[in-house]
C-alpha atoms as a PDB file:
ATOM      1  CA  MET A   1     -17.117  61.220  11.673  1.00  0.00           C
ATOM      2  CA  THR A   2     -19.054  62.704   8.783  1.00  0.00           C
ATOM      3  CA  THR A   3     -22.609  63.942   8.608  1.00  0.00           C
ATOM      4  CA  GLN A   4     -24.791  62.967   5.697  1.00  0.00           C
ATOM      5  CA  THR A   5     -25.911  65.740   3.330  1.00  0.00           C
ATOM      6  CA  VAL A   6     -29.186  66.142   1.542  1.00  0.00           C
ATOM      7  CA  GLU A   7     -29.174  67.368  -2.045  1.00  0.00           C
ATOM      8  CA  TYR A   8     -32.341  69.049  -3.326  1.00  0.00           C
ATOM      9  CA  ILE A   9     -32.884  69.474  -7.042  1.00  0.00           C
ATOM     10  CA  ARG A  10     -35.950  71.506  -8.059  1.00  0.00           C
ATOM     11  CA  TYR A  11     -37.329  71.046 -11.551  1.00  0.00           C
ATOM     12  CA  ARG A  12     -39.940  72.841 -13.562  1.00  0.00           C
ATOM     13  CA  ILE A  13     -41.142  70.389 -16.185  1.00  0.00           C
ATOM     14  CA  PRO A  14     -43.826  71.296 -18.714  1.00  0.00           C
ATOM     15  CA  GLU A  15     -46.911  69.107 -18.373  1.00  0.00           C
ATOM     16  CA  GLU A  16     -46.451  67.552 -21.767  1.00  0.00           C
ATOM     17  CA  GLN A  17     -42.977  66.315 -20.752  1.00  0.00           C
ATOM     18  CA  SER A  18     -43.970  64.895 -17.395  1.00  0.00           C
ATOM     19  CA  ALA A  19     -44.391  61.243 -18.488  1.00  0.00           C
ATOM     20  CA  GLU A  20     -40.958  61.227 -20.213  1.00  0.00           C
ATOM     21  CA  PHE A  21     -39.394  62.958 -17.211  1.00  0.00           C
ATOM     22  CA  LEU A  22     -40.724  60.418 -14.751  1.00  0.00           C
ATOM     23  CA  SER A  23     -39.688  57.575 -17.029  1.00  0.00           C
ATOM     24  CA  ALA A  24     -36.184  58.960 -17.348  1.00  0.00           C
ATOM     25  CA  TYR A  25     -35.747  59.235 -13.577  1.00  0.00           C
ATOM     26  CA  SER A  26     -37.145  55.723 -13.090  1.00  0.00           C
ATOM     27  CA  ARG A  27     -34.259  54.515 -15.234  1.00  0.00           C
ATOM     28  CA  ALA A  28     -31.716  56.868 -13.662  1.00  0.00           C
ATOM     29  CA  ALA A  29     -32.741  55.665 -10.209  1.00  0.00           C
ATOM     30  CA  ALA A  30     -31.060  52.382 -10.890  1.00  0.00           C
ATOM     31  CA  GLN A  31     -27.685  54.163 -10.813  1.00  0.00           C
ATOM     32  CA  LEU A  32     -28.563  55.857  -7.509  1.00  0.00           C
ATOM     33  CA  SER A  33     -29.610  52.535  -6.007  1.00  0.00           C
ATOM     34  CA  ALA A  34     -26.298  51.019  -6.978  1.00  0.00           C
ATOM     35  CA  ALA A  35     -24.195  53.949  -5.694  1.00  0.00           C
ATOM     36  CA  PRO A  36     -22.491  53.274  -2.313  1.00  0.00           C
ATOM     37  CA  GLN A  37     -22.505  57.053  -1.717  1.00  0.00           C
ATOM     38  CA  CYS A  38     -26.298  57.251  -1.944  1.00  0.00           C
ATOM     39  CA  VAL A  39     -28.341  56.645   1.226  1.00  0.00           C
ATOM     40  CA  ASP A  40     -31.796  57.187  -0.193  1.00  0.00           C
ATOM     41  CA  TYR A  41     -33.694  59.318  -2.764  1.00  0.00           C
ATOM     42  CA  GLU A  42     -37.222  60.457  -3.509  1.00  0.00           C
ATOM     43  CA  LEU A  43     -38.798  62.357  -6.372  1.00  0.00           C
ATOM     44  CA  ALA A  44     -41.898  64.358  -5.357  1.00  0.00           C
ATOM     45  CA  ARG A  45     -44.408  66.253  -7.506  1.00  0.00           C
ATOM     46  CA  CYS A  46     -46.120  69.428  -6.378  1.00  0.00           C
ATOM     47  CA  GLU A  47     -49.889  69.006  -5.747  1.00  0.00           C
ATOM     48  CA  GLU A  48     -50.651  72.673  -6.431  1.00  0.00           C
ATOM     49  CA  ASP A  49     -48.638  72.989  -9.598  1.00  0.00           C
ATOM     50  CA  PHE A  50     -47.944  69.752 -11.454  1.00  0.00           C
ATOM     51  CA  GLU A  51     -44.977  71.329 -13.301  1.00  0.00           C
ATOM     52  CA  HIS A  52     -42.870  71.498 -10.137  1.00  0.00           C
ATOM     53  CA  TYR A  53     -40.826  68.530  -8.903  1.00  0.00           C
ATOM     54  CA  ILE A  54     -38.293  68.143  -6.130  1.00  0.00           C
ATOM     55  CA  LEU A  55     -35.693  65.373  -6.125  1.00  0.00           C
ATOM     56  CA  ARG A  56     -34.257  64.668  -2.701  1.00  0.00           C
ATOM     57  CA  ILE A  57     -31.080  62.626  -2.486  1.00  0.00           C
ATOM     58  CA  THR A  58     -29.302  61.827   0.772  1.00  0.00           C
ATOM     59  CA  TRP A  59     -25.587  61.289   0.301  1.00  0.00           C
ATOM     60  CA  THR A  60     -23.072  59.930   2.742  1.00  0.00           C
ATOM     61  CA  SER A  61     -21.339  63.325   2.380  1.00  0.00           C
ATOM     62  CA  THR A  62     -21.060  66.200  -0.118  1.00  0.00           C
ATOM     63  CA  LYS A  63     -17.536  65.071  -0.926  1.00  0.00           C
ATOM     64  CA  ASP A  64     -18.696  61.510  -1.512  1.00  0.00           C
ATOM     65  CA  HIS A  65     -21.319  62.852  -3.976  1.00  0.00           C
ATOM     66  CA  VAL A  66     -19.066  65.272  -5.857  1.00  0.00           C
ATOM     67  CA  GLU A  67     -15.788  63.324  -5.832  1.00  0.00           C
ATOM     68  CA  GLY A  68     -17.268  59.822  -5.517  1.00  0.00           C
ATOM     69  CA  PHE A  69     -20.498  59.337  -7.404  1.00  0.00           C
ATOM     70  CA  ARG A  70     -19.825  61.986 -10.091  1.00  0.00           C
ATOM     71  CA  THR A  71     -16.476  60.344 -10.942  1.00  0.00           C
ATOM     72  CA  SER A  72     -17.786  56.760 -10.766  1.00  0.00           C
ATOM     73  CA  GLU A  73     -18.712  54.351 -13.528  1.00  0.00           C
ATOM     74  CA  LEU A  74     -22.360  54.852 -12.607  1.00  0.00           C
ATOM     75  CA  PHE A  75     -22.509  58.578 -13.303  1.00  0.00           C
ATOM     76  CA  PRO A  76     -22.392  58.594 -17.135  1.00  0.00           C
ATOM     77  CA  ASP A  77     -25.491  56.379 -17.409  1.00  0.00           C
ATOM     78  CA  PHE A  78     -27.232  58.500 -14.748  1.00  0.00           C
ATOM     79  CA  LEU A  79     -26.350  61.717 -16.601  1.00  0.00           C
ATOM     80  CA  ALA A  80     -27.433  60.298 -19.966  1.00  0.00           C
ATOM     81  CA  GLU A  81     -30.963  59.797 -18.633  1.00  0.00           C
ATOM     82  CA  ILE A  82     -31.401  63.207 -16.992  1.00  0.00           C
ATOM     83  CA  ARG A  83     -29.365  65.369 -19.370  1.00  0.00           C
ATOM     84  CA  PRO A  84     -32.408  66.573 -21.382  1.00  0.00           C
ATOM     85  CA  TYR A  85     -33.887  68.021 -18.169  1.00  0.00           C
ATOM     86  CA  ILE A  86     -30.866  69.868 -16.811  1.00  0.00           C
ATOM     87  CA  PRO A  87     -31.993  73.162 -18.376  1.00  0.00           C
ATOM     88  CA  SER A  88     -35.221  72.749 -16.345  1.00  0.00           C
ATOM     89  CA  ILE A  89     -33.361  72.797 -13.002  1.00  0.00           C
ATOM     90  CA  GLU A  90     -34.286  75.812 -10.836  1.00  0.00           C
ATOM     91  CA  GLU A  91     -32.135  74.886  -7.829  1.00  0.00           C
ATOM     92  CA  MET A  92     -29.483  72.255  -7.088  1.00  0.00           C
ATOM     93  CA  ARG A  93     -27.854  72.505  -3.678  1.00  0.00           C
ATOM     94  CA  HIS A  94     -26.590  70.492  -0.721  1.00  0.00           C
ATOM     95  CA  TYR A  95     -28.099  70.992   2.737  1.00  0.00           C
ATOM     96  CA  LYS A  96     -26.891  69.900   6.179  1.00  0.00           C
ATOM     97  CA  PRO A  97     -29.319  69.034   8.977  1.00  0.00           C
ATOM     98  CA  THR A  98     -29.726  71.475  11.870  1.00  0.00           C
ATOM     99  CA  THR A  99     -30.779  70.905  15.457  1.00  0.00           C
ATOM    100  CA  VAL A 100     -34.378  71.915  14.518  1.00  0.00           C
ATOM    101  CA  ARG A 101     -35.948  68.564  13.888  1.00  0.00           C
ATOM    102  CA  GLY A 102     -38.596  66.272  15.321  1.00  0.00           C
ATOM    103  CA  SER A 103     -41.639  64.252  14.414  1.00  0.00           C
ATOM    104  CA  GLY A 104     -45.384  64.668  14.551  1.00  0.00           C
ATOM    105  CA  SER A 105     -47.848  62.941  16.789  1.00  0.00           C
ATOM    106  CA  ALA A 106     -49.181  60.566  14.134  1.00  0.00           C
ATOM    107  CA  VAL A 107     -46.743  57.929  15.351  1.00  0.00           C
ATOM    108  CA  PRO A 108     -45.550  57.893  18.973  1.00  0.00           C
ATOM    109  CA  THR A 109     -41.827  58.424  19.560  1.00  0.00           C
ATOM    110  CA  LEU A 110     -39.782  55.694  21.070  1.00  0.00           C
ATOM    111  CA  TYR A 111     -39.509  57.921  24.119  1.00  0.00           C
ATOM    112  CA  GLU A 112     -43.339  58.057  24.450  1.00  0.00           C
ATOM    113  CA  TRP A 113     -43.721  54.364  23.824  1.00  0.00           C
ATOM    114  CA  ALA A 114     -41.150  53.525  26.440  1.00  0.00           C
ATOM    115  CA  GLY A 115     -43.019  55.509  29.104  1.00  0.00           C
ATOM    116  CA  GLY A 116     -41.297  58.919  29.065  1.00  0.00           C
ATOM    117  CA  ALA A 117     -38.720  60.385  31.427  1.00  0.00           C
ATOM    118  CA  GLU A 118     -39.625  58.122  34.361  1.00  0.00           C
ATOM    119  CA  ALA A 119     -38.952  55.009  32.317  1.00  0.00           C
ATOM    120  CA  PHE A 120     -35.442  56.139  31.302  1.00  0.00           C
ATOM    121  CA  ALA A 121     -34.714  57.184  34.873  1.00  0.00           C
ATOM    122  CA  ARG A 122     -35.667  53.711  36.059  1.00  0.00           C
ATOM    123  CA  LEU A 123     -33.593  52.160  33.313  1.00  0.00           C
ATOM    124  CA  THR A 124     -30.354  53.983  34.152  1.00  0.00           C
ATOM    125  CA  SER A 125     -30.846  53.498  37.848  1.00  0.00           C
ATOM    126  CA  VAL A 126     -31.155  49.734  37.455  1.00  0.00           C
ATOM    127  CA  PHE A 127     -28.424  49.623  34.841  1.00  0.00           C
ATOM    128  CA  TYR A 128     -25.720  51.451  36.783  1.00  0.00           C
ATOM    129  CA  ASP A 129     -26.484  49.440  39.870  1.00  0.00           C
ATOM    130  CA  LYS A 130     -25.623  46.379  37.741  1.00  0.00           C
ATOM    131  CA  VAL A 131     -22.556  48.054  36.175  1.00  0.00           C
ATOM    132  CA  LEU A 132     -20.991  48.911  39.506  1.00  0.00           C
ATOM    133  CA  ARG A 133     -21.372  45.305  40.680  1.00  0.00           C
ATOM    134  CA  ASP A 134     -19.980  43.836  37.439  1.00  0.00           C
ATOM    135  CA  ASP A 135     -16.403  42.636  37.540  1.00  0.00           C
ATOM    136  CA  LEU A 136     -15.757  43.516  33.870  1.00  0.00           C
ATOM    137  CA  LEU A 137     -17.395  46.954  33.799  1.00  0.00           C
ATOM    138  CA  ALA A 138     -16.903  48.297  37.252  1.00  0.00           C
ATOM    139  CA  PRO A 139     -13.258  49.348  36.596  1.00  0.00           C
ATOM    140  CA  VAL A 140     -14.410  51.405  33.591  1.00  0.00           C
ATOM    141  CA  PHE A 141     -16.841  53.361  35.731  1.00  0.00           C
ATOM    142  CA  GLU A 142     -14.636  53.703  38.827  1.00  0.00           C
ATOM    143  CA  GLY A 143     -15.268  57.063  40.473  1.00  0.00           C
ATOM    144  CA  LEU A 144     -18.612  57.492  38.711  1.00  0.00           C
ATOM    145  CA  ALA A 145     -20.092  60.916  39.376  1.00  0.00           C
ATOM    146  CA  PRO A 146     -23.424  60.767  41.321  1.00  0.00           C
ATOM    147  CA  GLU A 147     -25.237  62.539  38.483  1.00  0.00           C
ATOM    148  CA  HIS A 148     -23.897  60.249  35.758  1.00  0.00           C
ATOM    149  CA  ALA A 149     -26.986  58.016  35.647  1.00  0.00           C
ATOM    150  CA  GLN A 150     -29.216  61.083  35.470  1.00  0.00           C
ATOM    151  CA  HIS A 151     -27.264  62.506  32.556  1.00  0.00           C
ATOM    152  CA  VAL A 152     -27.428  59.193  30.686  1.00  0.00           C
ATOM    153  CA  ALA A 153     -31.186  59.121  31.276  1.00  0.00           C
ATOM    154  CA  LEU A 154     -31.442  62.592  29.726  1.00  0.00           C
ATOM    155  CA  TRP A 155     -29.316  61.414  26.829  1.00  0.00           C
ATOM    156  CA  LEU A 156     -31.335  58.317  26.123  1.00  0.00           C
ATOM    157  CA  ALA A 157     -34.581  60.253  26.470  1.00  0.00           C
ATOM    158  CA  GLU A 158     -33.466  62.747  23.876  1.00  0.00           C
ATOM    159  CA  VAL A 159     -32.051  60.123  21.522  1.00  0.00           C
ATOM    160  CA  PHE A 160     -35.388  58.275  21.523  1.00  0.00           C
ATOM    161  CA  GLY A 161     -37.446  61.376  20.709  1.00  0.00           C
ATOM    162  CA  GLY A 162     -37.888  63.087  24.100  1.00  0.00           C
ATOM    163  CA  PRO A 163     -37.160  66.645  25.221  1.00  0.00           C
ATOM    164  CA  PRO A 164     -33.711  68.142  24.559  1.00  0.00           C
ATOM    165  CA  GLY A 165     -32.650  67.916  28.199  1.00  0.00           C
ATOM    166  CA  TYR A 166     -29.171  66.659  27.429  1.00  0.00           C
ATOM    167  CA  SER A 167     -28.508  69.188  24.713  1.00  0.00           C
ATOM    168  CA  GLU A 168     -29.627  72.076  26.910  1.00  0.00           C
ATOM    169  CA  THR A 169     -27.610  71.070  29.939  1.00  0.00           C
ATOM    170  CA  GLN A 170     -24.613  69.089  28.637  1.00  0.00           C
ATOM    171  CA  GLY A 171     -24.016  69.535  24.948  1.00  0.00           C
ATOM    172  CA  GLY A 172     -24.402  67.603  21.724  1.00  0.00           C
ATOM    173  CA  HIS A 173     -23.278  64.257  20.320  1.00  0.00           C
ATOM    174  CA  GLY A 174     -19.637  65.328  20.365  1.00  0.00           C
ATOM    175  CA  HIS A 175     -19.837  66.043  24.126  1.00  0.00           C
ATOM    176  CA  MET A 176     -21.084  62.546  24.870  1.00  0.00           C
ATOM    177  CA  VAL A 177     -18.628  60.806  22.513  1.00  0.00           C
ATOM    178  CA  ALA A 178     -15.666  62.749  23.940  1.00  0.00           C
ATOM    179  CA  LYS A 179     -16.267  61.216  27.362  1.00  0.00           C
ATOM    180  CA  HIS A 180     -15.024  57.915  25.931  1.00  0.00           C
ATOM    181  CA  MET A 181     -11.722  59.278  24.549  1.00  0.00           C
ATOM    182  CA  GLY A 182      -8.721  57.381  25.835  1.00  0.00           C
ATOM    183  CA  ARG A 183     -10.652  54.801  27.861  1.00  0.00           C
ATOM    184  CA  GLY A 184      -9.591  51.821  25.792  1.00  0.00           C
ATOM    185  CA  ILE A 185     -12.965  50.055  25.898  1.00  0.00           C
ATOM    186  CA  THR A 186     -12.685  46.438  24.861  1.00  0.00           C
ATOM    187  CA  GLU A 187     -15.092  44.405  22.728  1.00  0.00           C
ATOM    188  CA  ALA A 188     -15.796  42.194  25.768  1.00  0.00           C
ATOM    189  CA  GLN A 189     -16.732  45.200  27.825  1.00  0.00           C
ATOM    190  CA  ARG A 190     -18.953  46.537  25.023  1.00  0.00           C
ATOM    191  CA  ARG A 191     -20.850  43.270  24.829  1.00  0.00           C
ATOM    192  CA  ARG A 192     -21.261  43.131  28.573  1.00  0.00           C
ATOM    193  CA  TRP A 193     -22.650  46.725  28.505  1.00  0.00           C
ATOM    194  CA  VAL A 194     -25.124  45.701  25.794  1.00  0.00           C
ATOM    195  CA  ASN A 195     -26.258  42.630  27.729  1.00  0.00           C
ATOM    196  CA  LEU A 196     -26.643  44.459  31.056  1.00  0.00           C
ATOM    197  CA  ILE A 197     -28.737  47.305  29.576  1.00  0.00           C
ATOM    198  CA  GLN A 198     -31.061  44.781  28.034  1.00  0.00           C
ATOM    199  CA  ASP A 199     -31.410  43.070  31.422  1.00  0.00           C
ATOM    200  CA  ALA A 200     -32.012  46.470  32.974  1.00  0.00           C
ATOM    201  CA  ALA A 201     -34.736  47.273  30.397  1.00  0.00           C
ATOM    202  CA  ASP A 202     -36.496  44.107  31.475  1.00  0.00           C
ATOM    203  CA  GLU A 203     -36.257  44.906  35.181  1.00  0.00           C
ATOM    204  CA  ALA A 204     -37.201  48.575  34.669  1.00  0.00           C
ATOM    205  CA  GLY A 205     -40.392  47.579  32.859  1.00  0.00           C
ATOM    206  CA  LEU A 206     -39.638  48.950  29.426  1.00  0.00           C
ATOM    207  CA  PRO A 207     -41.893  47.661  26.661  1.00  0.00           C
ATOM    208  CA  THR A 208     -41.097  44.183  25.471  1.00  0.00           C
ATOM    209  CA  ASP A 209     -42.708  44.267  21.980  1.00  0.00           C
ATOM    210  CA  ALA A 210     -40.355  43.280  19.175  1.00  0.00           C
ATOM    211  CA  GLU A 211     -40.596  46.607  17.360  1.00  0.00           C
ATOM    212  CA  PHE A 212     -39.482  48.667  20.372  1.00  0.00           C
ATOM    213  CA  ARG A 213     -36.776  46.257  21.510  1.00  0.00           C
ATOM    214  CA  SER A 214     -35.314  45.961  18.025  1.00  0.00           C
ATOM    215  CA  ALA A 215     -35.048  49.781  17.780  1.00  0.00           C
ATOM    216  CA  PHE A 216     -33.702  49.968  21.312  1.00  0.00           C
ATOM    217  CA  LEU A 217     -31.028  47.308  20.689  1.00  0.00           C
ATOM    218  CA  ALA A 218     -30.151  48.832  17.337  1.00  0.00           C
ATOM    219  CA  TYR A 219     -29.250  52.114  19.094  1.00  0.00           C
ATOM    220  CA  VAL A 220     -27.375  50.309  21.870  1.00  0.00           C
ATOM    221  CA  GLU A 221     -25.310  48.417  19.285  1.00  0.00           C
ATOM    222  CA  TRP A 222     -24.667  51.549  17.283  1.00  0.00           C
ATOM    223  CA  GLY A 223     -23.756  53.694  20.269  1.00  0.00           C
ATOM    224  CA  THR A 224     -21.508  51.169  21.982  1.00  0.00           C
ATOM    225  CA  ARG A 225     -19.539  50.477  18.803  1.00  0.00           C
ATOM    226  CA  LEU A 226     -18.920  54.228  18.435  1.00  0.00           C
ATOM    227  CA  ALA A 227     -17.802  54.294  22.048  1.00  0.00           C
ATOM    228  CA  VAL A 228     -15.288  51.607  21.399  1.00  0.00           C
ATOM    229  CA  HIS A 229     -14.048  53.383  18.290  1.00  0.00           C
ATOM    230  CA  PHE A 230     -13.559  56.762  20.051  1.00  0.00           C
ATOM    231  CA  SER A 231     -11.947  55.133  23.080  1.00  0.00           C
ATOM    232  CA  GLY A 232      -9.106  53.757  20.951  1.00  0.00           C
ATOM    233  CA  PRO A 233      -5.590  55.151  20.965  1.00  0.00           C
ATOM    234  CA  ASP A 234      -5.749  56.587  17.418  1.00  0.00           C
ATOM    235  CA  ALA A 235      -9.241  58.177  17.702  1.00  0.00           C
ATOM    236  CA  LYS A 236      -9.630  61.824  16.877  1.00  0.00           C
ATOM    237  CA  PRO A 237     -12.123  64.095  18.647  1.00  0.00           C
ATOM    238  CA  PRO A 238     -15.515  63.938  16.961  1.00  0.00           C
ATOM    239  CA  ALA A 239     -17.058  66.774  14.997  1.00  0.00           C
ATOM    240  CA  GLU A 240     -19.606  68.895  16.785  1.00  0.00           C
ATOM    241  CA  GLN A 241     -22.977  67.326  16.016  1.00  0.00           C
ATOM    242  CA  PRO A 242     -26.453  67.394  17.559  1.00  0.00           C
ATOM    243  CA  VAL A 243     -27.714  64.564  19.677  1.00  0.00           C
ATOM    244  CA  PRO A 244     -28.884  61.840  17.314  1.00  0.00           C
ATOM    245  CA  ARG A 245     -32.576  61.051  17.101  1.00  0.00           C
ATOM    246  CA  TRP A 246     -33.506  57.423  16.830  1.00  0.00           C
ATOM    247  CA  HIS A 247     -36.771  56.389  15.244  1.00  0.00           C
ATOM    248  CA  TRP A 248     -38.685  53.214  14.516  1.00  0.00           C
ATOM    249  CA  GLY A 249     -36.412  51.346  12.163  1.00  0.00           C
ATOM    250  CA  ALA A 250     -34.214  54.300  11.237  1.00  0.00           C
ATOM    251  CA  ALA A 251     -30.694  55.237  12.184  1.00  0.00           C
ATOM    252  CA  PRO A 252     -29.373  58.816  12.438  1.00  0.00           C
ATOM    253  CA  PRO A 253     -27.089  60.106   9.726  1.00  0.00           C
ATOM    254  CA  TYR A 254     -23.693  59.654  11.420  1.00  0.00           C
ATOM    255  CA  GLN A 255     -20.867  57.310  10.544  1.00  0.00           C
ATOM    256  CA  GLY A 256     -17.745  56.288  12.364  1.00  0.00           C
END
């Protein structure tokens, strides 16, 4: 697995060049949009000092940026547009995300919208009751530890924006993924898991609005597909990464 990287490029552009600078980047952005290594980008202008700009580009990885985009057919056209402004760069570096992250209260987290810790505790209780009675999944969870459902509740709560209970007591993303190593999970089992947790969400009284359920199902699909990947015979242990944080309509920056 790789973790996305964020490149920050800080410019100081004289006021009289600002219109040309913005126009050049509007054209250069077409190359970024076409690049498979580019996740997203944004050019921001300082409110206190109009001469300062920050370009933020999220890349699939630093290597993909340096050895992929910069050696691609797209790069020459990109460089031709921004070349006049290279001397105006004050900083150009890659940054990796840390465990210090979160969101403000302007928009409720998925955790809050779902009903908090109690909602996820109900969900996992109902879900694992179904799992242990399911002919396809019961063998996978044979000998399930009594605290397993509680740990998964902590995991889901943290993933959807709640407190870092899983990180503080169990570990990060790598710890969870490693639990699937060597289990040989099949696609049929994965699909049954997905169906049962949706049924459990209904029975546990989680919100049924389309926005929440689409985000919930998106994570379930993402997570179960990773579980299948890491349960395979050729899978390598995952890199150490923080627990992913899932938001409304946004996936975390991890790839299989």
